[in-house]
Amino acid sequence: MKTKKYLDDLRDKTPEELNTELVTAKKELFNLRFQNATNQLDNTARIRFVRKNIARINTIITQKKTS
């Protein structure tokens, strides 16, 4: 499953790399929302996918802080 592999990759990253990944995902989400508002976005499911990835990254960051 792709999600499992993605989570394993996130767990292997350092907190600095996770923060970089988070910033990149947030920028992508902003761009997707902008494209959606101007009716240029074809795949609207991508917004949901990116939002879930942001939540996954935040979860991994929190887990690393507590352990």
Protein backbone atom coordinates (compact mmCIF):
# COMPACT_ATOMS: atom_id res chain seq x y z
CA MET A 1 0.00 0.00 0.00
CA LYS A 2 1.34 3.44 -0.91
CA THR A 3 0.24 5.10 2.33
CA LYS A 4 2.17 2.60 4.45
CA LYS A 5 5.33 3.19 2.44
CA TYR A 6 4.84 6.97 2.69
CA LEU A 7 4.45 6.75 6.48
CA ASP A 8 7.58 4.61 6.76
CA ASP A 9 9.48 7.20 4.74
CA LEU A 10 8.20 9.97 7.02
CA ARG A 11 9.23 8.10 10.15
CA ASP A 12 12.78 7.76 8.83
CA LYS A 13 13.16 11.52 8.32
CA THR A 14 14.63 13.96 10.83
CA PRO A 15 12.44 16.69 12.39
CA GLU A 16 14.05 19.31 10.12
CA GLU A 17 13.21 17.26 7.03
CA LEU A 18 9.66 16.80 8.30
CA ASN A 19 9.26 20.55 8.74
CA THR A 20 10.50 21.10 5.20
CA GLU A 21 8.06 18.48 3.93
CA LEU A 22 5.25 20.18 5.88
CA VAL A 23 6.01 23.59 4.38
CA THR A 24 6.08 22.09 0.89
CA ALA A 25 2.74 20.34 1.42
CA LYS A 26 1.13 23.53 2.75
CA LYS A 27 2.35 25.48 -0.28
CA GLU A 28 0.95 22.80 -2.56
CA LEU A 29 -2.39 22.93 -0.75
CA PHE A 30 -2.50 26.72 -1.15
CA ASN A 31 -1.82 26.42 -4.87
CA LEU A 32 -4.46 23.72 -5.27
CA ARG A 33 -7.06 25.84 -3.48
CA PHE A 34 -6.17 28.80 -5.66
CA GLN A 35 -6.52 26.70 -8.82
CA ASN A 36 -9.84 25.34 -7.55
CA ALA A 37 -11.17 28.84 -6.93
CA THR A 38 -10.27 29.90 -10.46
CA ASN A 39 -11.71 26.69 -11.99
CA GLN A 40 -8.33 25.51 -13.27
CA LEU A 41 -8.12 22.37 -11.12
CA ASP A 42 -9.05 19.11 -12.83
CA ASN A 43 -8.44 16.66 -9.99
CA THR A 44 -10.22 18.05 -6.94
CA ALA A 45 -9.48 14.86 -4.97
CA ARG A 46 -5.86 16.01 -4.82
CA ILE A 47 -6.86 18.66 -2.25
CA ARG A 48 -8.13 15.98 0.12
CA PHE A 49 -5.02 13.85 -0.44
CA VAL A 50 -2.68 16.74 0.38
CA ARG A 51 -4.70 17.68 3.48
CA LYS A 52 -4.40 14.12 4.77
CA ASN A 53 -0.67 14.12 4.08
CA ILE A 54 -0.31 17.33 6.11
CA ALA A 55 -2.14 15.64 8.98
CA ARG A 56 0.14 12.61 8.68
CA ILE A 57 3.25 14.79 8.78
CA ASN A 58 1.94 16.66 11.83
CA THR A 59 1.22 13.35 13.56
CA ILE A 60 4.74 12.05 12.95
CA ILE A 61 6.23 15.35 14.21
CA THR A 62 4.17 15.09 17.40
CA GLN A 63 5.17 11.46 17.91
CA LYS A 64 8.85 12.35 17.54
CA LYS A 65 8.51 15.19 20.08
CA THR A 66 6.90 12.97 22.72
CA SER A 67 9.30 10.04 22.34
